[in-house]
Amino acid sequence: MDYLVSYEHSLASAPDDYIATVPSQVVKGVPANIPRALLPEYITDLILKRSARIGKIRHLRILQPHGAPRS
């Protein structure tokens, strides 16, 4: 599944200095069998593995499953 998320992040070289806000990003390849309660942790780990320059992520919000109609 794909999810639309937002978050703030720091660089690996300065993990305690949050420098960027990502207003929306599609995260692809999340298995459909991940329980909703574990999605934030799983998506955070996925972003960190795919982006070596990111140090830490905070304020992760799952906006919606990507491709779902907005209400």
PDB file of N, CA and C in Angstrom:
ATOM      1  N   MET A   1       0.841  -1.180   0.000  1.00  0.00           N
ATOM      2  CA  MET A   1       0.000   0.000   0.000  1.00  0.00           C
ATOM      3  C   MET A   1       0.884   1.239   0.000  1.00  0.00           C
ATOM      4  N   ASP A   2       0.303   2.323  -0.432  1.00  0.00           N
ATOM      5  CA  ASP A   2       0.984   3.612  -0.441  1.00  0.00           C
ATOM      6  C   ASP A   2       0.264   4.553   0.520  1.00  0.00           C
ATOM      7  N   TYR A   3       1.047   5.365   1.242  1.00  0.00           N
ATOM      8  CA  TYR A   3       0.475   6.309   2.200  1.00  0.00           C
ATOM      9  C   TYR A   3       1.021   7.701   1.957  1.00  0.00           C
ATOM     10  N   LEU A   4       0.177   8.695   2.127  1.00  0.00           N
ATOM     11  CA  LEU A   4       0.571  10.084   2.077  1.00  0.00           C
ATOM     12  C   LEU A   4       0.862  10.508   3.512  1.00  0.00           C
ATOM     13  N   VAL A   5       2.090  11.001   3.760  1.00  0.00           N
ATOM     14  CA  VAL A   5       2.503  11.366   5.116  1.00  0.00           C
ATOM     15  C   VAL A   5       3.121  12.759   5.126  1.00  0.00           C
ATOM     16  N   SER A   6       3.215  13.337   6.314  1.00  0.00           N
ATOM     17  CA  SER A   6       3.969  14.573   6.537  1.00  0.00           C
ATOM     18  C   SER A   6       4.816  14.366   7.780  1.00  0.00           C
ATOM     19  N   TYR A   7       5.949  15.102   7.846  1.00  0.00           N
ATOM     20  CA  TYR A   7       6.840  14.960   8.996  1.00  0.00           C
ATOM     21  C   TYR A   7       7.895  16.060   8.975  1.00  0.00           C
ATOM     22  N   GLU A   8       8.654  16.138  10.066  1.00  0.00           N
ATOM     23  CA  GLU A   8       9.826  16.994  10.165  1.00  0.00           C
ATOM     24  C   GLU A   8      11.031  16.073  10.317  1.00  0.00           C
ATOM     25  N   HIS A   9      12.180  16.515   9.800  1.00  0.00           N
ATOM     26  CA  HIS A   9      13.360  15.674   9.961  1.00  0.00           C
ATOM     27  C   HIS A   9      14.625  16.497  10.150  1.00  0.00           C
ATOM     28  N   SER A  10      15.640  15.819  10.685  1.00  0.00           N
ATOM     29  CA  SER A  10      16.969  16.399  10.848  1.00  0.00           C
ATOM     30  C   SER A  10      17.918  15.652   9.916  1.00  0.00           C
ATOM     31  N   LEU A  11      19.115  16.182   9.785  1.00  0.00           N
ATOM     32  CA  LEU A  11      20.139  15.500   9.006  1.00  0.00           C
ATOM     33  C   LEU A  11      20.931  14.555   9.902  1.00  0.00           C
ATOM     34  N   ALA A  12      21.485  13.528   9.305  1.00  0.00           N
ATOM     35  CA  ALA A  12      22.280  12.567  10.067  1.00  0.00           C
ATOM     36  C   ALA A  12      23.478  13.244  10.732  1.00  0.00           C
ATOM     37  N   SER A  13      23.999  14.291  10.105  1.00  0.00           N
ATOM     38  CA  SER A  13      25.162  14.986  10.661  1.00  0.00           C
ATOM     39  C   SER A  13      24.810  15.871  11.862  1.00  0.00           C
ATOM     40  N   ALA A  14      23.535  16.199  12.032  1.00  0.00           N
ATOM     41  CA  ALA A  14      23.068  17.010  13.177  1.00  0.00           C
ATOM     42  C   ALA A  14      21.689  16.499  13.592  1.00  0.00           C
ATOM     43  N   PRO A  15      21.617  15.319  14.211  1.00  0.00           N
ATOM     44  CA  PRO A  15      20.327  14.677  14.470  1.00  0.00           C
ATOM     45  C   PRO A  15      19.376  15.417  15.411  1.00  0.00           C
ATOM     46  N   ASP A  16      19.887  16.346  16.214  1.00  0.00           N
ATOM     47  CA  ASP A  16      19.002  17.061  17.136  1.00  0.00           C
ATOM     48  C   ASP A  16      18.533  18.414  16.602  1.00  0.00           C
ATOM     49  N   ASP A  17      18.977  18.776  15.404  1.00  0.00           N
ATOM     50  CA  ASP A  17      18.582  20.048  14.778  1.00  0.00           C
ATOM     51  C   ASP A  17      17.594  19.765  13.649  1.00  0.00           C
ATOM     52  N   TYR A  18      16.313  19.952  13.943  1.00  0.00           N
ATOM     53  CA  TYR A  18      15.287  19.682  12.933  1.00  0.00           C
ATOM     54  C   TYR A  18      15.250  20.841  11.956  1.00  0.00           C
ATOM     55  N   ILE A  19      15.520  20.545  10.694  1.00  0.00           N
ATOM     56  CA  ILE A  19      15.707  21.607   9.710  1.00  0.00           C
ATOM     57  C   ILE A  19      14.674  21.615   8.593  1.00  0.00           C
ATOM     58  N   ALA A  20      13.963  20.538   8.432  1.00  0.00           N
ATOM     59  CA  ALA A  20      13.066  20.473   7.281  1.00  0.00           C
ATOM     60  C   ALA A  20      11.697  19.960   7.679  1.00  0.00           C
ATOM     61  N   THR A  21      10.686  20.551   7.072  1.00  0.00           N
ATOM     62  CA  THR A  21       9.317  20.075   7.198  1.00  0.00           C
ATOM     63  C   THR A  21       8.898  19.543   5.837  1.00  0.00           C
ATOM     64  N   VAL A  22       8.447  18.320   5.820  1.00  0.00           N
ATOM     65  CA  VAL A  22       7.964  17.702   4.586  1.00  0.00           C
ATOM     66  C   VAL A  22       6.443  17.735   4.665  1.00  0.00           C
ATOM     67  N   PRO A  23       5.792  18.635   3.893  1.00  0.00           N
ATOM     68  CA  PRO A  23       4.339  18.779   4.012  1.00  0.00           C
ATOM     69  C   PRO A  23       3.553  17.577   3.477  1.00  0.00           C
ATOM     70  N   SER A  24       4.102  16.907   2.473  1.00  0.00           N
ATOM     71  CA  SER A  24       3.451  15.687   1.987  1.00  0.00           C
ATOM     72  C   SER A  24       4.445  14.868   1.171  1.00  0.00           C
ATOM     73  N   GLN A  25       4.399  13.585   1.396  1.00  0.00           N
ATOM     74  CA  GLN A  25       5.258  12.647   0.678  1.00  0.00           C
ATOM     75  C   GLN A  25       4.517  11.330   0.577  1.00  0.00           C
ATOM     76  N   VAL A  26       4.603  10.692  -0.570  1.00  0.00           N
ATOM     77  CA  VAL A  26       4.009   9.371  -0.743  1.00  0.00           C
ATOM     78  C   VAL A  26       5.064   8.339  -0.374  1.00  0.00           C
ATOM     79  N   VAL A  27       4.717   7.461   0.538  1.00  0.00           N
ATOM     80  CA  VAL A  27       5.590   6.349   0.926  1.00  0.00           C
ATOM     81  C   VAL A  27       4.981   5.099   0.323  1.00  0.00           C
ATOM     82  N   LYS A  28       5.739   4.475  -0.565  1.00  0.00           N
ATOM     83  CA  LYS A  28       5.238   3.302  -1.286  1.00  0.00           C
ATOM     84  C   LYS A  28       5.801   2.019  -0.712  1.00  0.00           C
ATOM     85  N   GLY A  29       5.097   0.944  -0.936  1.00  0.00           N
ATOM     86  CA  GLY A  29       5.588  -0.371  -0.579  1.00  0.00           C
ATOM     87  C   GLY A  29       5.348  -0.799   0.851  1.00  0.00           C
ATOM     88  N   VAL A  30       4.352  -0.224   1.504  1.00  0.00           N
ATOM     89  CA  VAL A  30       4.014  -0.634   2.870  1.00  0.00           C
ATOM     90  C   VAL A  30       3.100  -1.863   2.773  1.00  0.00           C
ATOM     91  N   PRO A  31       3.486  -2.973   3.399  1.00  0.00           N
ATOM     92  CA  PRO A  31       2.641  -4.170   3.326  1.00  0.00           C
ATOM     93  C   PRO A  31       1.242  -3.899   3.898  1.00  0.00           C
ATOM     94  N   ALA A  32       0.248  -4.451   3.260  1.00  0.00           N
ATOM     95  CA  ALA A  32      -1.144  -4.241   3.671  1.00  0.00           C
ATOM     96  C   ALA A  32      -1.464  -4.893   5.014  1.00  0.00           C
ATOM     97  N   ASN A  33      -0.641  -5.849   5.453  1.00  0.00           N
ATOM     98  CA  ASN A  33      -0.938  -6.562   6.705  1.00  0.00           C
ATOM     99  C   ASN A  33      -0.340  -5.885   7.945  1.00  0.00           C
ATOM    100  N   ILE A  34       0.266  -4.691   7.805  1.00  0.00           N
ATOM    101  CA  ILE A  34       0.793  -3.963   8.966  1.00  0.00           C
ATOM    102  C   ILE A  34      -0.394  -3.377   9.741  1.00  0.00           C
ATOM    103  N   PRO A  35      -0.543  -3.693  11.038  1.00  0.00           N
ATOM    104  CA  PRO A  35      -1.650  -3.133  11.814  1.00  0.00           C
ATOM    105  C   PRO A  35      -1.562  -1.601  11.879  1.00  0.00           C
ATOM    106  N   ARG A  36      -2.693  -0.940  11.878  1.00  0.00           N
ATOM    107  CA  ARG A  36      -2.757   0.526  11.884  1.00  0.00           C
ATOM    108  C   ARG A  36      -1.944   1.130  13.038  1.00  0.00           C
ATOM    109  N   ALA A  37      -1.969   0.483  14.190  1.00  0.00           N
ATOM    110  CA  ALA A  37      -1.243   0.997  15.356  1.00  0.00           C
ATOM    111  C   ALA A  37       0.274   0.990  15.132  1.00  0.00           C
ATOM    112  N   LEU A  38       0.769   0.136  14.267  1.00  0.00           N
ATOM    113  CA  LEU A  38       2.206   0.038  14.019  1.00  0.00           C
ATOM    114  C   LEU A  38       2.660   0.807  12.775  1.00  0.00           C
ATOM    115  N   LEU A  39       1.726   1.400  12.037  1.00  0.00           N
ATOM    116  CA  LEU A  39       2.072   2.110  10.806  1.00  0.00           C
ATOM    117  C   LEU A  39       3.067   3.244  11.004  1.00  0.00           C
ATOM    118  N   PRO A  40       2.887   4.134  11.984  1.00  0.00           N
ATOM    119  CA  PRO A  40       3.857   5.232  12.131  1.00  0.00           C
ATOM    120  C   PRO A  40       5.293   4.745  12.319  1.00  0.00           C
ATOM    121  N   GLU A  41       5.482   3.752  13.175  1.00  0.00           N
ATOM    122  CA  GLU A  41       6.825   3.219  13.416  1.00  0.00           C
ATOM    123  C   GLU A  41       7.378   2.556  12.155  1.00  0.00           C
ATOM    124  N   TYR A  42       6.547   1.799  11.463  1.00  0.00           N
ATOM    125  CA  TYR A  42       6.991   1.108  10.252  1.00  0.00           C
ATOM    126  C   TYR A  42       7.369   2.119   9.166  1.00  0.00           C
ATOM    127  N   ILE A  43       6.528   3.129   8.967  1.00  0.00           N
ATOM    128  CA  ILE A  43       6.789   4.132   7.932  1.00  0.00           C
ATOM    129  C   ILE A  43       8.026   4.955   8.277  1.00  0.00           C
ATOM    130  N   THR A  44       8.206   5.307   9.549  1.00  0.00           N
ATOM    131  CA  THR A  44       9.413   6.032   9.967  1.00  0.00           C
ATOM    132  C   THR A  44      10.658   5.215   9.645  1.00  0.00           C
ATOM    133  N   ASP A  45      10.658   3.941   9.997  1.00  0.00           N
ATOM    134  CA  ASP A  45      11.804   3.078   9.707  1.00  0.00           C
ATOM    135  C   ASP A  45      12.053   2.973   8.205  1.00  0.00           C
ATOM    136  N   LEU A  46      10.980   2.890   7.437  1.00  0.00           N
ATOM    137  CA  LEU A  46      11.099   2.792   5.986  1.00  0.00           C
ATOM    138  C   LEU A  46      11.733   4.054   5.405  1.00  0.00           C
ATOM    139  N   ILE A  47      11.296   5.220   5.845  1.00  0.00           N
ATOM    140  CA  ILE A  47      11.867   6.485   5.367  1.00  0.00           C
ATOM    141  C   ILE A  47      13.345   6.571   5.736  1.00  0.00           C
ATOM    142  N   LEU A  48      13.683   6.219   6.976  1.00  0.00           N
ATOM    143  CA  LEU A  48      15.080   6.283   7.421  1.00  0.00           C
ATOM    144  C   LEU A  48      15.977   5.334   6.632  1.00  0.00           C
ATOM    145  N   LYS A  49      15.491   4.152   6.305  1.00  0.00           N
ATOM    146  CA  LYS A  49      16.283   3.200   5.525  1.00  0.00           C
ATOM    147  C   LYS A  49      16.497   3.683   4.098  1.00  0.00           C
ATOM    148  N   ARG A  50      15.510   4.361   3.547  1.00  0.00           N
ATOM    149  CA  ARG A  50      15.589   4.825   2.155  1.00  0.00           C
ATOM    150  C   ARG A  50      16.326   6.150   2.008  1.00  0.00           C
ATOM    151  N   SER A  51      16.502   6.893   3.088  1.00  0.00           N
ATOM    152  CA  SER A  51      17.126   8.218   3.034  1.00  0.00           C
ATOM    153  C   SER A  51      18.263   8.282   4.047  1.00  0.00           C
ATOM    154  N   ALA A  52      19.450   7.963   3.615  1.00  0.00           N
ATOM    155  CA  ALA A  52      20.602   7.882   4.513  1.00  0.00           C
ATOM    156  C   ALA A  52      20.971   9.230   5.128  1.00  0.00           C
ATOM    157  N   ARG A  53      20.602  10.332   4.506  1.00  0.00           N
ATOM    158  CA  ARG A  53      20.969  11.652   5.024  1.00  0.00           C
ATOM    159  C   ARG A  53      20.066  12.117   6.163  1.00  0.00           C
ATOM    160  N   ILE A  54      18.926  11.470   6.357  1.00  0.00           N
ATOM    161  CA  ILE A  54      18.007  11.859   7.423  1.00  0.00           C
ATOM    162  C   ILE A  54      18.481  11.259   8.738  1.00  0.00           C
ATOM    163  N   GLY A  55      18.532  12.100   9.780  1.00  0.00           N
ATOM    164  CA  GLY A  55      18.962  11.642  11.099  1.00  0.00           C
ATOM    165  C   GLY A  55      17.804  11.134  11.940  1.00  0.00           C
ATOM    166  N   LYS A  56      16.830  12.000  12.188  1.00  0.00           N
ATOM    167  CA  LYS A  56      15.657  11.644  12.988  1.00  0.00           C
ATOM    168  C   LYS A  56      14.408  12.224  12.334  1.00  0.00           C
ATOM    169  N   ILE A  57      13.287  11.595  12.637  1.00  0.00           N
ATOM    170  CA  ILE A  57      11.987  12.059  12.154  1.00  0.00           C
ATOM    171  C   ILE A  57      11.111  12.329  13.364  1.00  0.00           C
ATOM    172  N   ARG A  58      10.372  13.426  13.318  1.00  0.00           N
ATOM    173  CA  ARG A  58       9.400  13.700  14.376  1.00  0.00           C
ATOM    174  C   ARG A  58       8.115  14.220  13.747  1.00  0.00           C
ATOM    175  N   HIS A  59       7.051  14.173  14.504  1.00  0.00           N
ATOM    176  CA  HIS A  59       5.729  14.660  14.090  1.00  0.00           C
ATOM    177  C   HIS A  59       5.248  14.000  12.799  1.00  0.00           C
ATOM    178  N   LEU A  60       5.486  12.698  12.679  1.00  0.00           N
ATOM    179  CA  LEU A  60       4.982  11.970  11.512  1.00  0.00           C
ATOM    180  C   LEU A  60       3.466  11.897  11.591  1.00  0.00           C
ATOM    181  N   ARG A  61       2.810  12.268  10.518  1.00  0.00           N
ATOM    182  CA  ARG A  61       1.349  12.167  10.428  1.00  0.00           C
ATOM    183  C   ARG A  61       1.001  11.384   9.180  1.00  0.00           C
ATOM    184  N   ILE A  62       0.138  10.405   9.327  1.00  0.00           N
ATOM    185  CA  ILE A  62      -0.375   9.690   8.169  1.00  0.00           C
ATOM    186  C   ILE A  62      -1.603  10.459   7.713  1.00  0.00           C
ATOM    187  N   LEU A  63      -1.489  11.086   6.558  1.00  0.00           N
ATOM    188  CA  LEU A  63      -2.584  11.921   6.071  1.00  0.00           C
ATOM    189  C   LEU A  63      -3.705  11.084   5.487  1.00  0.00           C
ATOM    190  N   GLN A  64      -3.344  10.078   4.693  1.00  0.00           N
ATOM    191  CA  GLN A  64      -4.349   9.179   4.134  1.00  0.00           C
ATOM    192  C   GLN A  64      -3.638   8.101   3.325  1.00  0.00           C
ATOM    193  N   PRO A  65      -4.323   6.975   3.102  1.00  0.00           N
ATOM    194  CA  PRO A  65      -3.771   6.022   2.145  1.00  0.00           C
ATOM    195  C   PRO A  65      -3.721   6.717   0.778  1.00  0.00           C
ATOM    196  N   HIS A  66      -2.613   6.610   0.086  1.00  0.00           N
ATOM    197  CA  HIS A  66      -2.465   7.295  -1.197  1.00  0.00           C
ATOM    198  C   HIS A  66      -3.425   6.688  -2.223  1.00  0.00           C
ATOM    199  N   GLY A  67      -4.099   7.554  -2.928  1.00  0.00           N
ATOM    200  CA  GLY A  67      -5.062   7.116  -3.916  1.00  0.00           C
ATOM    201  C   GLY A  67      -6.487   7.033  -3.377  1.00  0.00           C
ATOM    202  N   ALA A  68      -6.640   7.174  -2.055  1.00  0.00           N
ATOM    203  CA  ALA A  68      -7.989   7.155  -1.450  1.00  0.00           C
ATOM    204  C   ALA A  68      -8.672   8.480  -1.708  1.00  0.00           C
ATOM    205  N   PRO A  69      -9.956   8.470  -1.917  1.00  0.00           N
ATOM    206  CA  PRO A  69     -10.674   9.736  -2.130  1.00  0.00           C
ATOM    207  C   PRO A  69     -10.668  10.587  -0.865  1.00  0.00           C
ATOM    208  N   ARG A  70     -10.544  11.901  -1.046  1.00  0.00           N
ATOM    209  CA  ARG A  70     -10.586  12.812   0.099  1.00  0.00           C
ATOM    210  C   ARG A  70     -12.022  13.048   0.516  1.00  0.00           C
ATOM    211  N   SER A  71     -12.225  13.197   1.822  1.00  0.00           N
ATOM    212  CA  SER A  71     -13.588  13.426   2.318  1.00  0.00           C
ATOM    213  C   SER A  71     -13.837  14.881   2.571  1.00  0.00           C
TER     214      SER A  71
END
